[in-house]
Amino acid sequence: MISARHRTNGSSSFAERVRRVVARIPRGKTLTYGEVARRAGNPRAFRAVGTILSKNYDPRIPCHRVVRADGTIGNYNRGAERKKELLRREGALAARATPLWTSQ
């Protein structure tokens, strides 16, 4: 059996790809959990994205920039109020910043 980390095509694990996608989200922009899953190579794994990010404490991975598709902010391992404050401070919440994927 081949583990997710060592696929025959040499790709990295889904969790590593998720972290890489999220690390590239610029200040003031957001992506949905589903869009992160799609960019990481598994469009239906949006719940897995949430699970992966719930375990993230690396400040280089701005998981607070990942939001729900219905427009709500979703969960955050440091608390919803902290996530709101970070998004507000970055300008992603107040004016409902243009999502990253539409500005490409």
C-alpha atoms as a PDB file:
ATOM      1  CA  MET A   1       0.000   0.000   0.000  1.00  0.00           C
ATOM      2  CA  ILE A   2       1.311   3.439  -0.932  1.00  0.00           C
ATOM      3  CA  SER A   3       0.909   6.129   1.709  1.00  0.00           C
ATOM      4  CA  ALA A   4      -0.535   9.527   0.861  1.00  0.00           C
ATOM      5  CA  ARG A   5       2.871  11.040   1.522  1.00  0.00           C
ATOM      6  CA  HIS A   6       4.703   8.822  -0.970  1.00  0.00           C
ATOM      7  CA  ARG A   7       2.552   8.565  -4.055  1.00  0.00           C
ATOM      8  CA  THR A   8       4.061   7.071  -7.155  1.00  0.00           C
ATOM      9  CA  ASN A   9       3.882  10.423  -8.943  1.00  0.00           C
ATOM     10  CA  GLY A  10       6.113  12.024  -6.291  1.00  0.00           C
ATOM     11  CA  SER A  11       3.502  14.475  -5.055  1.00  0.00           C
ATOM     12  CA  SER A  12       3.338  15.644  -1.469  1.00  0.00           C
ATOM     13  CA  SER A  13       0.599  14.752   0.993  1.00  0.00           C
ATOM     14  CA  PHE A  14      -2.765  16.471   0.793  1.00  0.00           C
ATOM     15  CA  ALA A  15      -2.084  18.220   4.131  1.00  0.00           C
ATOM     16  CA  GLU A  16       1.196  19.629   2.809  1.00  0.00           C
ATOM     17  CA  ARG A  17      -0.532  20.854  -0.340  1.00  0.00           C
ATOM     18  CA  VAL A  18      -3.281  22.486   1.740  1.00  0.00           C
ATOM     19  CA  ARG A  19      -0.706  24.296   3.866  1.00  0.00           C
ATOM     20  CA  ARG A  20       1.131  25.444   0.727  1.00  0.00           C
ATOM     21  CA  VAL A  21      -2.088  26.818  -0.819  1.00  0.00           C
ATOM     22  CA  VAL A  22      -3.065  28.633   2.376  1.00  0.00           C
ATOM     23  CA  ALA A  23       0.435  30.074   2.839  1.00  0.00           C
ATOM     24  CA  ARG A  24       0.011  31.859  -0.510  1.00  0.00           C
ATOM     25  CA  ILE A  25      -3.224  33.683   0.387  1.00  0.00           C
ATOM     26  CA  PRO A  26      -2.267  37.381   0.578  1.00  0.00           C
ATOM     27  CA  ARG A  27      -3.384  39.787   3.306  1.00  0.00           C
ATOM     28  CA  GLY A  28      -6.868  41.115   2.677  1.00  0.00           C
ATOM     29  CA  LYS A  29      -7.902  38.103   0.582  1.00  0.00           C
ATOM     30  CA  THR A  30      -9.737  34.905   1.458  1.00  0.00           C
ATOM     31  CA  LEU A  31     -10.406  31.505  -0.013  1.00  0.00           C
ATOM     32  CA  THR A  32     -13.197  29.103   0.853  1.00  0.00           C
ATOM     33  CA  TYR A  33     -12.458  25.688   2.316  1.00  0.00           C
ATOM     34  CA  GLY A  34     -13.709  24.205  -0.957  1.00  0.00           C
ATOM     35  CA  GLU A  35     -11.428  26.374  -3.069  1.00  0.00           C
ATOM     36  CA  VAL A  36      -8.433  25.397  -0.947  1.00  0.00           C
ATOM     37  CA  ALA A  37      -9.390  21.738  -1.399  1.00  0.00           C
ATOM     38  CA  ARG A  38      -9.689  22.223  -5.170  1.00  0.00           C
ATOM     39  CA  ARG A  39      -6.320  23.961  -5.424  1.00  0.00           C
ATOM     40  CA  ALA A  40      -4.741  21.256  -3.276  1.00  0.00           C
ATOM     41  CA  GLY A  41      -5.973  18.611  -5.705  1.00  0.00           C
ATOM     42  CA  ASN A  42      -9.096  17.165  -4.084  1.00  0.00           C
ATOM     43  CA  PRO A  43     -12.176  19.376  -4.646  1.00  0.00           C
ATOM     44  CA  ARG A  44     -14.484  17.284  -2.460  1.00  0.00           C
ATOM     45  CA  ALA A  45     -12.178  17.339   0.588  1.00  0.00           C
ATOM     46  CA  PHE A  46     -13.306  20.680   2.023  1.00  0.00           C
ATOM     47  CA  ARG A  47     -13.974  19.095   5.430  1.00  0.00           C
ATOM     48  CA  ALA A  48     -10.470  17.645   5.460  1.00  0.00           C
ATOM     49  CA  VAL A  49      -9.148  21.158   4.822  1.00  0.00           C
ATOM     50  CA  GLY A  50     -10.926  22.334   7.972  1.00  0.00           C
ATOM     51  CA  THR A  51      -9.498  19.451   9.977  1.00  0.00           C
ATOM     52  CA  ILE A  52      -5.982  20.107   8.707  1.00  0.00           C
ATOM     53  CA  LEU A  53      -6.205  23.815   9.478  1.00  0.00           C
ATOM     54  CA  SER A  54      -7.673  23.208  12.943  1.00  0.00           C
ATOM     55  CA  LYS A  55      -4.335  21.657  13.881  1.00  0.00           C
ATOM     56  CA  ASN A  56      -2.246  24.491  12.452  1.00  0.00           C
ATOM     57  CA  TYR A  57      -0.290  26.708  14.847  1.00  0.00           C
ATOM     58  CA  ASP A  58       2.370  27.792  12.359  1.00  0.00           C
ATOM     59  CA  PRO A  59       2.140  31.589  11.934  1.00  0.00           C
ATOM     60  CA  ARG A  60       3.400  31.253   8.340  1.00  0.00           C
ATOM     61  CA  ILE A  61       0.151  29.459   7.456  1.00  0.00           C
ATOM     62  CA  PRO A  62      -2.616  32.119   7.696  1.00  0.00           C
ATOM     63  CA  CYS A  63      -5.500  29.706   8.216  1.00  0.00           C
ATOM     64  CA  HIS A  64      -7.721  32.588   9.373  1.00  0.00           C
ATOM     65  CA  ARG A  65      -7.956  33.579   5.681  1.00  0.00           C
ATOM     66  CA  VAL A  66     -10.013  30.474   4.869  1.00  0.00           C
ATOM     67  CA  VAL A  67     -13.767  30.993   5.154  1.00  0.00           C
ATOM     68  CA  ARG A  68     -16.969  29.082   4.506  1.00  0.00           C
ATOM     69  CA  ALA A  69     -18.657  29.142   1.112  1.00  0.00           C
ATOM     70  CA  ASP A  70     -21.842  30.587   2.649  1.00  0.00           C
ATOM     71  CA  GLY A  71     -19.988  33.786   3.580  1.00  0.00           C
ATOM     72  CA  THR A  72     -19.601  33.084   7.278  1.00  0.00           C
ATOM     73  CA  ILE A  73     -16.104  32.951   8.715  1.00  0.00           C
ATOM     74  CA  GLY A  74     -16.113  29.351   9.909  1.00  0.00           C
ATOM     75  CA  ASN A  75     -14.096  27.955  12.774  1.00  0.00           C
ATOM     76  CA  TYR A  76     -10.636  28.935  13.980  1.00  0.00           C
ATOM     77  CA  ASN A  77      -8.408  27.152  16.457  1.00  0.00           C
ATOM     78  CA  ARG A  78      -7.766  30.394  18.343  1.00  0.00           C
ATOM     79  CA  GLY A  79     -11.454  31.378  18.521  1.00  0.00           C
ATOM     80  CA  ALA A  80     -13.966  32.957  16.153  1.00  0.00           C
ATOM     81  CA  GLU A  81     -13.557  36.431  17.627  1.00  0.00           C
ATOM     82  CA  ARG A  82      -9.798  36.299  17.027  1.00  0.00           C
ATOM     83  CA  LYS A  83     -10.414  35.214  13.414  1.00  0.00           C
ATOM     84  CA  LYS A  84     -12.854  38.100  12.893  1.00  0.00           C
ATOM     85  CA  GLU A  85     -10.362  40.554  14.349  1.00  0.00           C
ATOM     86  CA  LEU A  86      -7.520  39.302  12.131  1.00  0.00           C
ATOM     87  CA  LEU A  87      -9.700  39.462   9.010  1.00  0.00           C
ATOM     88  CA  ARG A  88     -10.954  42.932   9.978  1.00  0.00           C
ATOM     89  CA  ARG A  89      -7.400  44.150  10.576  1.00  0.00           C
ATOM     90  CA  GLU A  90      -6.316  42.842   7.168  1.00  0.00           C
ATOM     91  CA  GLY A  91      -9.294  44.446   5.426  1.00  0.00           C
ATOM     92  CA  ALA A  92     -10.844  41.147   4.391  1.00  0.00           C
ATOM     93  CA  LEU A  93     -13.948  41.413   6.556  1.00  0.00           C
ATOM     94  CA  ALA A  94     -15.121  45.018   6.589  1.00  0.00           C
ATOM     95  CA  ALA A  95     -15.571  45.499   2.855  1.00  0.00           C
ATOM     96  CA  ARG A  96     -15.983  41.799   2.058  1.00  0.00           C
ATOM     97  CA  ALA A  97     -12.718  41.652   0.164  1.00  0.00           C
ATOM     98  CA  THR A  98     -12.664  40.210  -3.321  1.00  0.00           C
ATOM     99  CA  PRO A  99     -11.849  36.512  -3.027  1.00  0.00           C
ATOM    100  CA  LEU A 100      -8.417  35.588  -4.280  1.00  0.00           C
ATOM    101  CA  TRP A 101      -9.671  33.244  -6.977  1.00  0.00           C
ATOM    102  CA  THR A 102     -11.640  35.944  -8.822  1.00  0.00           C
ATOM    103  CA  SER A 103      -8.703  38.345  -9.020  1.00  0.00           C
ATOM    104  CA  GLN A 104      -6.403  36.032 -10.946  1.00  0.00           C
END
